[in-house]
PDB file of all heavy atoms in Angstrom:
ATOM      1  N   LEU A   1       8.234  22.147   4.063  1.00  0.00           N
ATOM      2  CA  LEU A   1       7.508  23.370   4.481  1.00  0.00           C
ATOM      3  C   LEU A   1       6.538  23.870   3.580  1.00  0.00           C
ATOM      4  O   LEU A   1       5.348  24.212   3.888  1.00  0.00           O
ATOM      5  CB  LEU A   1       8.347  24.346   5.039  1.00  0.00           C
ATOM      6  CG  LEU A   1       9.285  24.076   6.244  1.00  0.00           C
ATOM      7  CD1 LEU A   1      10.229  25.236   6.522  1.00  0.00           C
ATOM      8  CD2 LEU A   1       8.372  23.758   7.485  1.00  0.00           C
ATOM      9  N   ALA A   2       6.931  23.872   2.321  1.00  0.00           N
ATOM     10  CA  ALA A   2       6.049  24.433   1.264  1.00  0.00           C
ATOM     11  C   ALA A   2       4.832  23.478   1.147  1.00  0.00           C
ATOM     12  O   ALA A   2       3.701  24.045   0.937  1.00  0.00           O
ATOM     13  CB  ALA A   2       6.829  24.441  -0.021  1.00  0.00           C
ATOM     14  N   LEU A   3       5.019  22.218   1.281  1.00  0.00           N
ATOM     15  CA  LEU A   3       3.920  21.250   1.197  1.00  0.00           C
ATOM     16  C   LEU A   3       2.966  21.428   2.283  1.00  0.00           C
ATOM     17  O   LEU A   3       1.684  21.280   2.201  1.00  0.00           O
ATOM     18  CB  LEU A   3       4.387  19.821   1.050  1.00  0.00           C
ATOM     19  CG  LEU A   3       5.067  19.371  -0.326  1.00  0.00           C
ATOM     20  CD1 LEU A   3       5.648  18.047  -0.143  1.00  0.00           C
ATOM     21  CD2 LEU A   3       4.093  19.511  -1.412  1.00  0.00           C
ATOM     22  N   LEU A   4       3.527  21.701   3.429  1.00  0.00           N
ATOM     23  CA  LEU A   4       2.698  21.848   4.638  1.00  0.00           C
ATOM     24  C   LEU A   4       1.755  23.151   4.491  1.00  0.00           C
ATOM     25  O   LEU A   4       0.679  23.223   4.935  1.00  0.00           O
ATOM     26  CB  LEU A   4       3.429  22.053   5.929  1.00  0.00           C
ATOM     27  CG  LEU A   4       4.070  20.706   6.519  1.00  0.00           C
ATOM     28  CD1 LEU A   4       4.897  21.052   7.639  1.00  0.00           C
ATOM     29  CD2 LEU A   4       2.870  19.795   6.974  1.00  0.00           C
ATOM     30  N   MET A   5       2.343  24.249   3.851  1.00  0.00           N
ATOM     31  CA  MET A   5       1.628  25.534   3.721  1.00  0.00           C
ATOM     32  C   MET A   5       0.577  25.405   2.576  1.00  0.00           C
ATOM     33  O   MET A   5      -0.373  26.216   2.722  1.00  0.00           O
ATOM     34  CB  MET A   5       2.565  26.546   3.472  1.00  0.00           C
ATOM     35  CG  MET A   5       3.648  26.911   4.591  1.00  0.00           C
ATOM     36  SD  MET A   5       4.581  28.413   4.323  1.00  0.00           S
ATOM     37  CE  MET A   5       5.555  27.776   2.975  1.00  0.00           C
ATOM     38  N   PHE A   6       0.647  24.561   1.697  1.00  0.00           N
ATOM     39  CA  PHE A   6      -0.247  24.547   0.588  1.00  0.00           C
ATOM     40  C   PHE A   6      -1.591  23.897   1.038  1.00  0.00           C
ATOM     41  O   PHE A   6      -1.541  22.931   1.807  1.00  0.00           O
ATOM     42  CB  PHE A   6       0.201  23.737  -0.566  1.00  0.00           C
ATOM     43  CG  PHE A   6       1.316  24.444  -1.389  1.00  0.00           C
ATOM     44  CD1 PHE A   6       2.115  23.640  -2.242  1.00  0.00           C
ATOM     45  CD2 PHE A   6       1.537  25.781  -1.183  1.00  0.00           C
ATOM     46  CE1 PHE A   6       3.118  24.359  -2.937  1.00  0.00           C
ATOM     47  CE2 PHE A   6       2.497  26.430  -1.863  1.00  0.00           C
ATOM     48  CZ  PHE A   6       3.252  25.715  -2.705  1.00  0.00           C
ATOM     49  N   PRO A   7      -2.721  24.480   0.646  1.00  0.00           N
ATOM     50  CA  PRO A   7      -4.037  23.872   0.983  1.00  0.00           C
ATOM     51  C   PRO A   7      -4.196  22.515   0.302  1.00  0.00           C
ATOM     52  O   PRO A   7      -3.598  22.207  -0.693  1.00  0.00           O
ATOM     53  CB  PRO A   7      -5.042  24.816   0.568  1.00  0.00           C
ATOM     54  CG  PRO A   7      -4.318  25.609  -0.566  1.00  0.00           C
ATOM     55  CD  PRO A   7      -2.898  25.758  -0.111  1.00  0.00           C
ATOM     56  N   HIS A   8      -5.000  21.650   0.969  1.00  0.00           N
ATOM     57  CA  HIS A   8      -5.259  20.425   0.412  1.00  0.00           C
ATOM     58  C   HIS A   8      -5.834  20.487  -1.064  1.00  0.00           C
ATOM     59  O   HIS A   8      -6.752  21.260  -1.379  1.00  0.00           O
ATOM     60  CB  HIS A   8      -6.406  19.723   1.285  1.00  0.00           C
ATOM     61  CG  HIS A   8      -6.786  18.327   0.750  1.00  0.00           C
ATOM     62  ND1 HIS A   8      -5.957  17.252   0.860  1.00  0.00           N
ATOM     63  CD2 HIS A   8      -7.907  17.965   0.085  1.00  0.00           C
ATOM     64  CE1 HIS A   8      -6.663  16.153   0.333  1.00  0.00           C
ATOM     65  NE2 HIS A   8      -7.805  16.579  -0.154  1.00  0.00           N
ATOM     66  N   GLY A   9      -5.309  19.666  -1.937  1.00  0.00           N
ATOM     67  CA  GLY A   9      -5.800  19.500  -3.280  1.00  0.00           C
ATOM     68  C   GLY A   9      -5.204  20.374  -4.281  1.00  0.00           C
ATOM     69  O   GLY A   9      -5.519  20.337  -5.484  1.00  0.00           O
ATOM     70  N   ARG A  10      -4.333  21.331  -3.921  1.00  0.00           N
ATOM     71  CA  ARG A  10      -3.770  22.235  -4.928  1.00  0.00           C
ATOM     72  C   ARG A  10      -2.748  21.545  -5.838  1.00  0.00           C
ATOM     73  O   ARG A  10      -2.466  22.168  -6.922  1.00  0.00           O
ATOM     74  CB  ARG A  10      -2.975  23.402  -4.137  1.00  0.00           C
ATOM     75  CG  ARG A  10      -3.906  24.312  -3.345  1.00  0.00           C
ATOM     76  CD  ARG A  10      -4.984  24.810  -4.208  1.00  0.00           C
ATOM     77  NE  ARG A  10      -4.490  25.641  -5.284  1.00  0.00           N
ATOM     78  CZ  ARG A  10      -4.287  27.058  -5.213  1.00  0.00           C
ATOM     79  NH1 ARG A  10      -4.621  27.608  -4.066  1.00  0.00           N
ATOM     80  NH2 ARG A  10      -3.823  27.681  -6.196  1.00  0.00           N
ATOM     81  N   LEU A  11      -2.233  20.373  -5.539  1.00  0.00           N
ATOM     82  CA  LEU A  11      -1.332  19.748  -6.398  1.00  0.00           C
ATOM     83  C   LEU A  11      -1.998  18.544  -7.085  1.00  0.00           C
ATOM     84  O   LEU A  11      -1.332  17.686  -7.653  1.00  0.00           O
ATOM     85  CB  LEU A  11      -0.061  19.181  -5.602  1.00  0.00           C
ATOM     86  CG  LEU A  11       0.678  20.247  -4.820  1.00  0.00           C
ATOM     87  CD1 LEU A  11       1.960  19.612  -4.264  1.00  0.00           C
ATOM     88  CD2 LEU A  11       1.147  21.257  -5.857  1.00  0.00           C
ATOM     89  N   ARG A  12      -3.269  18.495  -7.116  1.00  0.00           N
ATOM     90  CA  ARG A  12      -3.966  17.371  -7.796  1.00  0.00           C
ATOM     91  C   ARG A  12      -3.849  17.386  -9.319  1.00  0.00           C
ATOM     92  O   ARG A  12      -3.973  18.484  -9.940  1.00  0.00           O
ATOM     93  CB  ARG A  12      -5.513  17.384  -7.355  1.00  0.00           C
ATOM     94  CG  ARG A  12      -6.262  16.159  -7.992  1.00  0.00           C
ATOM     95  CD  ARG A  12      -7.696  16.347  -7.710  1.00  0.00           C
ATOM     96  NE  ARG A  12      -8.010  16.261  -6.370  1.00  0.00           N
ATOM     97  CZ  ARG A  12      -8.568  17.101  -5.590  1.00  0.00           C
ATOM     98  NH1 ARG A  12      -8.860  18.337  -6.075  1.00  0.00           N
ATOM     99  NH2 ARG A  12      -8.834  16.900  -4.268  1.00  0.00           N
ATOM    100  N   GLY A  13      -3.567  16.351  -9.915  1.00  0.00           N
ATOM    101  CA  GLY A  13      -3.490  16.296 -11.371  1.00  0.00           C
ATOM    102  C   GLY A  13      -4.895  16.345 -11.896  1.00  0.00           C
ATOM    103  O   GLY A  13      -5.827  15.828 -11.410  1.00  0.00           O
ATOM    104  N   ARG A  14      -4.973  16.888 -13.054  1.00  0.00           N
ATOM    105  CA  ARG A  14      -6.294  17.205 -13.651  1.00  0.00           C
ATOM    106  C   ARG A  14      -6.929  15.864 -14.182  1.00  0.00           C
ATOM    107  O   ARG A  14      -8.055  15.780 -14.308  1.00  0.00           O
ATOM    108  CB  ARG A  14      -6.233  18.211 -14.795  1.00  0.00           C
ATOM    109  CG  ARG A  14      -5.472  17.689 -15.978  1.00  0.00           C
ATOM    110  CD  ARG A  14      -5.079  18.815 -16.839  1.00  0.00           C
ATOM    111  NE  ARG A  14      -4.415  18.158 -18.113  1.00  0.00           N
ATOM    112  CZ  ARG A  14      -3.107  17.759 -18.000  1.00  0.00           C
ATOM    113  NH1 ARG A  14      -2.560  17.683 -16.896  1.00  0.00           N
ATOM    114  NH2 ARG A  14      -2.565  17.212 -19.217  1.00  0.00           N
ATOM    115  N   ASP A  15      -6.058  14.840 -14.578  1.00  0.00           N
ATOM    116  CA  ASP A  15      -6.624  13.622 -15.075  1.00  0.00           C
ATOM    117  C   ASP A  15      -6.532  12.532 -14.128  1.00  0.00           C
ATOM    118  O   ASP A  15      -6.294  11.434 -14.384  1.00  0.00           O
ATOM    119  CB  ASP A  15      -5.727  13.287 -16.370  1.00  0.00           C
ATOM    120  CG  ASP A  15      -6.010  14.267 -17.517  1.00  0.00           C
ATOM    121  OD1 ASP A  15      -7.134  14.836 -17.614  1.00  0.00           O
ATOM    122  OD2 ASP A  15      -5.196  14.309 -18.382  1.00  0.00           O
ATOM    123  N   ARG A  16      -6.517  12.920 -12.857  1.00  0.00           N
ATOM    124  CA  ARG A  16      -6.458  11.932 -11.762  1.00  0.00           C
ATOM    125  C   ARG A  16      -7.369  10.730 -11.823  1.00  0.00           C
ATOM    126  O   ARG A  16      -8.541  10.952 -12.049  1.00  0.00           O
ATOM    127  CB  ARG A  16      -6.563  12.592 -10.358  1.00  0.00           C
ATOM    128  CG  ARG A  16      -6.321  11.624  -9.268  1.00  0.00           C
ATOM    129  CD  ARG A  16      -6.284  12.536  -7.938  1.00  0.00           C
ATOM    130  NE  ARG A  16      -5.953  11.736  -6.759  1.00  0.00           N
ATOM    131  CZ  ARG A  16      -6.978  11.307  -5.969  1.00  0.00           C
ATOM    132  NH1 ARG A  16      -8.299  11.611  -6.206  1.00  0.00           N
ATOM    133  NH2 ARG A  16      -6.589  10.504  -4.971  1.00  0.00           N
ATOM    134  N   LYS A  17      -6.824   9.474 -11.927  1.00  0.00           N
ATOM    135  CA  LYS A  17      -7.621   8.435 -12.047  1.00  0.00           C
ATOM    136  C   LYS A  17      -7.415   7.482 -10.793  1.00  0.00           C
ATOM    137  O   LYS A  17      -6.204   7.198 -10.542  1.00  0.00           O
ATOM    138  CB  LYS A  17      -7.375   7.570 -13.378  1.00  0.00           C
ATOM    139  CG  LYS A  17      -7.636   8.492 -14.528  1.00  0.00           C
ATOM    140  CD  LYS A  17      -7.289   7.678 -15.912  1.00  0.00           C
ATOM    141  CE  LYS A  17      -7.374   8.625 -17.030  1.00  0.00           C
ATOM    142  NZ  LYS A  17      -8.749   9.108 -17.300  1.00  0.00           N
ATOM    143  N   LEU A  18      -8.477   6.955 -10.283  1.00  0.00           N
ATOM    144  CA  LEU A  18      -8.272   6.038  -9.183  1.00  0.00           C
ATOM    145  C   LEU A  18      -8.720   4.630  -9.643  1.00  0.00           C
ATOM    146  O   LEU A  18      -9.739   4.526 -10.167  1.00  0.00           O
ATOM    147  CB  LEU A  18      -9.163   6.460  -8.014  1.00  0.00           C
ATOM    148  CG  LEU A  18      -8.670   7.826  -7.278  1.00  0.00           C
ATOM    149  CD1 LEU A  18      -9.651   8.174  -6.216  1.00  0.00           C
ATOM    150  CD2 LEU A  18      -7.280   7.750  -6.730  1.00  0.00           C
ATOM    151  N   LYS A  19      -7.930   3.693  -9.400  1.00  0.00           N
ATOM    152  CA  LYS A  19      -8.305   2.305  -9.745  1.00  0.00           C
ATOM    153  C   LYS A  19      -8.334   1.423  -8.452  1.00  0.00           C
ATOM    154  O   LYS A  19      -7.590   1.571  -7.564  1.00  0.00           O
ATOM    155  CB  LYS A  19      -7.216   1.715 -10.795  1.00  0.00           C
ATOM    156  CG  LYS A  19      -7.269   2.438 -12.021  1.00  0.00           C
ATOM    157  CD  LYS A  19      -6.369   1.786 -13.078  1.00  0.00           C
ATOM    158  CE  LYS A  19      -6.539   2.514 -14.464  1.00  0.00           C
ATOM    159  NZ  LYS A  19      -5.751   1.815 -15.449  1.00  0.00           N
ATOM    160  N   PRO A  20      -9.200   0.460  -8.528  1.00  0.00           N
ATOM    161  CA  PRO A  20      -9.323  -0.446  -7.361  1.00  0.00           C
ATOM    162  C   PRO A  20      -8.056  -1.196  -7.198  1.00  0.00           C
ATOM    163  O   PRO A  20      -7.426  -1.731  -8.140  1.00  0.00           O
ATOM    164  CB  PRO A  20     -10.542  -1.394  -7.782  1.00  0.00           C
ATOM    165  CG  PRO A  20     -10.598  -1.328  -9.199  1.00  0.00           C
ATOM    166  CD  PRO A  20     -10.154   0.043  -9.646  1.00  0.00           C
ATOM    167  N   VAL A  21      -7.581  -1.267  -5.959  1.00  0.00           N
ATOM    168  CA  VAL A  21      -6.377  -2.094  -5.551  1.00  0.00           C
ATOM    169  C   VAL A  21      -6.704  -3.297  -4.806  1.00  0.00           C
ATOM    170  O   VAL A  21      -7.528  -3.305  -3.887  1.00  0.00           O
ATOM    171  CB  VAL A  21      -5.428  -1.184  -4.708  1.00  0.00           C
ATOM    172  CG1 VAL A  21      -4.264  -1.952  -4.324  1.00  0.00           C
ATOM    173  CG2 VAL A  21      -5.062   0.120  -5.413  1.00  0.00           C
ATOM    174  N   PRO A  22      -6.384  -4.536  -5.286  1.00  0.00           N
ATOM    175  CA  PRO A  22      -6.773  -5.795  -4.616  1.00  0.00           C
ATOM    176  C   PRO A  22      -6.146  -5.830  -3.173  1.00  0.00           C
ATOM    177  O   PRO A  22      -4.956  -5.442  -2.998  1.00  0.00           O
ATOM    178  CB  PRO A  22      -6.150  -6.840  -5.512  1.00  0.00           C
ATOM    179  CG  PRO A  22      -4.971  -6.152  -6.245  1.00  0.00           C
ATOM    180  CD  PRO A  22      -5.530  -4.763  -6.440  1.00  0.00           C
ATOM    181  N   LEU A  23      -7.033  -6.076  -2.243  1.00  0.00           N
ATOM    182  CA  LEU A  23      -6.595  -6.198  -0.862  1.00  0.00           C
ATOM    183  C   LEU A  23      -6.154  -7.539  -0.469  1.00  0.00           C
ATOM    184  O   LEU A  23      -6.612  -8.554  -1.012  1.00  0.00           O
ATOM    185  CB  LEU A  23      -7.706  -5.813   0.015  1.00  0.00           C
ATOM    186  CG  LEU A  23      -8.379  -4.470  -0.115  1.00  0.00           C
ATOM    187  CD1 LEU A  23      -9.631  -4.241   0.893  1.00  0.00           C
ATOM    188  CD2 LEU A  23      -7.357  -3.358   0.218  1.00  0.00           C
ATOM    189  N   PRO A  24      -5.000  -7.681   0.336  1.00  0.00           N
ATOM    190  CA  PRO A  24      -4.487  -9.038   0.706  1.00  0.00           C
ATOM    191  C   PRO A  24      -5.522  -9.690   1.647  1.00  0.00           C
ATOM    192  O   PRO A  24      -6.229  -9.063   2.464  1.00  0.00           O
ATOM    193  CB  PRO A  24      -3.189  -8.638   1.501  1.00  0.00           C
ATOM    194  CG  PRO A  24      -3.386  -7.186   1.865  1.00  0.00           C
ATOM    195  CD  PRO A  24      -4.147  -6.519   0.829  1.00  0.00           C
ATOM    196  N   THR A  25      -5.569 -11.002   1.511  1.00  0.00           N
ATOM    197  CA  THR A  25      -6.595 -11.745   2.336  1.00  0.00           C
ATOM    198  C   THR A  25      -5.823 -12.279   3.648  1.00  0.00           C
ATOM    199  O   THR A  25      -4.511 -12.381   3.685  1.00  0.00           O
ATOM    200  CB  THR A  25      -7.005 -12.919   1.617  1.00  0.00           C
ATOM    201  OG1 THR A  25      -5.933 -13.839   1.156  1.00  0.00           O
ATOM    202  CG2 THR A  25      -7.734 -12.444   0.341  1.00  0.00           C
ATOM    203  N   ILE A  26      -6.543 -12.608   4.619  1.00  0.00           N
ATOM    204  CA  ILE A  26      -6.008 -13.110   5.872  1.00  0.00           C
ATOM    205  C   ILE A  26      -5.173 -14.378   5.521  1.00  0.00           C
ATOM    206  O   ILE A  26      -4.154 -14.684   6.140  1.00  0.00           O
ATOM    207  CB  ILE A  26      -6.986 -13.268   6.968  1.00  0.00           C
ATOM    208  CG1 ILE A  26      -7.617 -11.958   7.237  1.00  0.00           C
ATOM    209  CG2 ILE A  26      -6.443 -14.058   8.251  1.00  0.00           C
ATOM    210  CD1 ILE A  26      -6.651 -11.030   7.988  1.00  0.00           C
ATOM    211  N   ASN A  27      -5.849 -15.431   4.878  1.00  0.00           N
ATOM    212  CA  ASN A  27      -5.300 -16.623   4.616  1.00  0.00           C
ATOM    213  C   ASN A  27      -3.923 -16.530   3.789  1.00  0.00           C
ATOM    214  O   ASN A  27      -3.052 -17.160   4.097  1.00  0.00           O
ATOM    215  CB  ASN A  27      -6.333 -17.504   3.888  1.00  0.00           C
ATOM    216  CG  ASN A  27      -7.522 -17.873   4.684  1.00  0.00           C
ATOM    217  OD1 ASN A  27      -7.377 -17.968   5.914  1.00  0.00           O
ATOM    218  ND2 ASN A  27      -8.542 -18.232   4.059  1.00  0.00           N
ATOM    219  N   GLY A  28      -4.004 -15.704   2.806  1.00  0.00           N
ATOM    220  CA  GLY A  28      -2.802 -15.448   2.009  1.00  0.00           C
ATOM    221  C   GLY A  28      -1.601 -14.896   2.742  1.00  0.00           C
ATOM    222  O   GLY A  28      -0.440 -15.360   2.725  1.00  0.00           O
ATOM    223  N   SER A  29      -1.973 -13.914   3.725  1.00  0.00           N
ATOM    224  CA  SER A  29      -0.967 -13.357   4.548  1.00  0.00           C
ATOM    225  C   SER A  29      -0.384 -14.328   5.535  1.00  0.00           C
ATOM    226  O   SER A  29       0.835 -14.402   5.778  1.00  0.00           O
ATOM    227  CB  SER A  29      -1.646 -12.141   5.322  1.00  0.00           C
ATOM    228  OG  SER A  29      -2.076 -11.135   4.463  1.00  0.00           O
ATOM    229  N   MET A  30      -1.219 -15.202   6.116  1.00  0.00           N
ATOM    230  CA  MET A  30      -0.725 -16.129   6.985  1.00  0.00           C
ATOM    231  C   MET A  30       0.160 -17.208   6.345  1.00  0.00           C
ATOM    232  O   MET A  30       1.127 -17.678   6.870  1.00  0.00           O
ATOM    233  CB  MET A  30      -1.965 -16.932   7.730  1.00  0.00           C
ATOM    234  CG  MET A  30      -2.686 -15.942   8.634  1.00  0.00           C
ATOM    235  SD  MET A  30      -1.896 -15.320  10.012  1.00  0.00           S
ATOM    236  CE  MET A  30      -1.497 -16.797  10.951  1.00  0.00           C
ATOM    237  N   ALA A  31      -0.299 -17.594   5.216  1.00  0.00           N
ATOM    238  CA  ALA A  31       0.529 -18.557   4.413  1.00  0.00           C
ATOM    239  C   ALA A  31       1.851 -17.991   4.053  1.00  0.00           C
ATOM    240  O   ALA A  31       2.926 -18.657   4.145  1.00  0.00           O
ATOM    241  CB  ALA A  31      -0.235 -19.061   3.103  1.00  0.00           C
ATOM    242  N   PHE A  32       1.918 -16.713   3.643  1.00  0.00           N
ATOM    243  CA  PHE A  32       3.266 -16.073   3.344  1.00  0.00           C
ATOM    244  C   PHE A  32       4.075 -15.977   4.486  1.00  0.00           C
ATOM    245  O   PHE A  32       5.215 -16.212   4.547  1.00  0.00           O
ATOM    246  CB  PHE A  32       2.883 -14.815   2.647  1.00  0.00           C
ATOM    247  CG  PHE A  32       4.106 -14.006   2.262  1.00  0.00           C
ATOM    248  CD1 PHE A  32       4.836 -14.384   1.084  1.00  0.00           C
ATOM    249  CD2 PHE A  32       4.574 -12.849   2.924  1.00  0.00           C
ATOM    250  CE1 PHE A  32       5.953 -13.685   0.747  1.00  0.00           C
ATOM    251  CE2 PHE A  32       5.690 -12.336   2.498  1.00  0.00           C
ATOM    252  CZ  PHE A  32       6.406 -12.657   1.411  1.00  0.00           C
ATOM    253  N   ALA A  33       3.396 -15.557   5.678  1.00  0.00           N
ATOM    254  CA  ALA A  33       4.280 -15.426   6.885  1.00  0.00           C
ATOM    255  C   ALA A  33       4.823 -16.789   7.296  1.00  0.00           C
ATOM    256  O   ALA A  33       5.993 -16.872   7.689  1.00  0.00           O
ATOM    257  CB  ALA A  33       3.441 -14.853   8.043  1.00  0.00           C
ATOM    258  N   ALA A  34       4.002 -17.833   7.141  1.00  0.00           N
ATOM    259  CA  ALA A  34       4.531 -19.186   7.543  1.00  0.00           C
ATOM    260  C   ALA A  34       5.715 -19.554   6.618  1.00  0.00           C
ATOM    261  O   ALA A  34       6.745 -20.209   7.146  1.00  0.00           O
ATOM    262  CB  ALA A  34       3.429 -20.217   7.481  1.00  0.00           C
ATOM    263  N   THR A  35       5.583 -19.345   5.310  1.00  0.00           N
ATOM    264  CA  THR A  35       6.622 -19.663   4.429  1.00  0.00           C
ATOM    265  C   THR A  35       7.890 -18.858   4.805  1.00  0.00           C
ATOM    266  O   THR A  35       9.040 -19.507   4.728  1.00  0.00           O
ATOM    267  CB  THR A  35       6.263 -19.235   3.021  1.00  0.00           C
ATOM    268  OG1 THR A  35       4.950 -19.920   2.619  1.00  0.00           O
ATOM    269  CG2 THR A  35       7.343 -19.618   2.020  1.00  0.00           C
ATOM    270  N   ILE A  36       7.797 -17.685   5.164  1.00  0.00           N
ATOM    271  CA  ILE A  36       9.063 -16.837   5.551  1.00  0.00           C
ATOM    272  C   ILE A  36       9.624 -17.503   6.775  1.00  0.00           C
ATOM    273  O   ILE A  36      10.948 -17.578   6.865  1.00  0.00           O
ATOM    274  CB  ILE A  36       8.667 -15.435   5.769  1.00  0.00           C
ATOM    275  CG1 ILE A  36       8.225 -14.789   4.434  1.00  0.00           C
ATOM    276  CG2 ILE A  36       9.811 -14.634   6.353  1.00  0.00           C
ATOM    277  CD1 ILE A  36       9.297 -14.736   3.361  1.00  0.00           C
ATOM    278  N   VAL A  37       8.869 -17.825   7.796  1.00  0.00           N
ATOM    279  CA  VAL A  37       9.406 -18.421   8.990  1.00  0.00           C
ATOM    280  C   VAL A  37      10.110 -19.659   8.743  1.00  0.00           C
ATOM    281  O   VAL A  37      11.216 -19.933   9.264  1.00  0.00           O
ATOM    282  CB  VAL A  37       8.230 -18.628  10.056  1.00  0.00           C
ATOM    283  CG1 VAL A  37       8.750 -19.386  11.286  1.00  0.00           C
ATOM    284  CG2 VAL A  37       7.753 -17.186  10.443  1.00  0.00           C
ATOM    285  N   VAL A  38       9.493 -20.520   7.993  1.00  0.00           N
ATOM    286  CA  VAL A  38      10.124 -21.821   7.717  1.00  0.00           C
ATOM    287  C   VAL A  38      11.419 -21.639   6.924  1.00  0.00           C
ATOM    288  O   VAL A  38      12.476 -22.191   7.153  1.00  0.00           O
ATOM    289  CB  VAL A  38       9.102 -22.717   6.881  1.00  0.00           C
ATOM    290  CG1 VAL A  38       9.849 -24.062   6.393  1.00  0.00           C
ATOM    291  CG2 VAL A  38       8.002 -23.061   7.726  1.00  0.00           C
ATOM    292  N   PHE A  39      11.399 -20.736   5.919  1.00  0.00           N
ATOM    293  CA  PHE A  39      12.612 -20.403   5.147  1.00  0.00           C
ATOM    294  C   PHE A  39      13.686 -19.884   5.998  1.00  0.00           C
ATOM    295  O   PHE A  39      14.910 -20.255   5.925  1.00  0.00           O
ATOM    296  CB  PHE A  39      12.194 -19.464   4.097  1.00  0.00           C
ATOM    297  CG  PHE A  39      13.409 -19.061   3.177  1.00  0.00           C
ATOM    298  CD1 PHE A  39      13.999 -20.035   2.358  1.00  0.00           C
ATOM    299  CD2 PHE A  39      13.931 -17.780   3.128  1.00  0.00           C
ATOM    300  CE1 PHE A  39      15.062 -19.704   1.499  1.00  0.00           C
ATOM    301  CE2 PHE A  39      15.000 -17.435   2.325  1.00  0.00           C
ATOM    302  CZ  PHE A  39      15.468 -18.407   1.535  1.00  0.00           C
ATOM    303  N   GLY A  40      13.445 -18.948   7.044  1.00  0.00           N
ATOM    304  CA  GLY A  40      14.309 -18.475   7.944  1.00  0.00           C
ATOM    305  C   GLY A  40      15.020 -19.614   8.771  1.00  0.00           C
ATOM    306  O   GLY A  40      16.158 -19.574   9.113  1.00  0.00           O
ATOM    307  N   LEU A  41      14.120 -20.486   9.305  1.00  0.00           N
ATOM    308  CA  LEU A  41      14.682 -21.640  10.082  1.00  0.00           C
ATOM    309  C   LEU A  41      15.592 -22.489   9.311  1.00  0.00           C
ATOM    310  O   LEU A  41      16.630 -22.868   9.873  1.00  0.00           O
ATOM    311  CB  LEU A  41      13.537 -22.399  10.605  1.00  0.00           C
ATOM    312  CG  LEU A  41      12.592 -21.710  11.607  1.00  0.00           C
ATOM    313  CD1 LEU A  41      11.459 -22.733  11.958  1.00  0.00           C
ATOM    314  CD2 LEU A  41      13.327 -21.474  12.909  1.00  0.00           C
ATOM    315  N   PHE A  42      15.300 -22.754   8.016  1.00  0.00           N
ATOM    316  CA  PHE A  42      16.198 -23.481   7.227  1.00  0.00           C
ATOM    317  C   PHE A  42      17.568 -22.815   7.068  1.00  0.00           C
ATOM    318  O   PHE A  42      18.636 -23.374   7.187  1.00  0.00           O
ATOM    319  CB  PHE A  42      15.609 -23.720   5.822  1.00  0.00           C
ATOM    320  CG  PHE A  42      14.705 -25.000   5.756  1.00  0.00           C
ATOM    321  CD1 PHE A  42      13.459 -24.938   5.654  1.00  0.00           C
ATOM    322  CD2 PHE A  42      15.345 -26.280   5.792  1.00  0.00           C
ATOM    323  CE1 PHE A  42      12.624 -26.027   5.540  1.00  0.00           C
ATOM    324  CE2 PHE A  42      14.574 -27.346   5.759  1.00  0.00           C
ATOM    325  CZ  PHE A  42      13.268 -27.274   5.593  1.00  0.00           C
TER     326      PHE A  42
END
């Protein structure tokens, strides 16, 4: 409830740093999914 009542940004750290996060690719996701399915069947 306390977090709901606080306005946006009041808990922001003063040295906040944002770094790029690598996004997963479609091909990589499909390959990983197929590996899991095959492993499950085994």
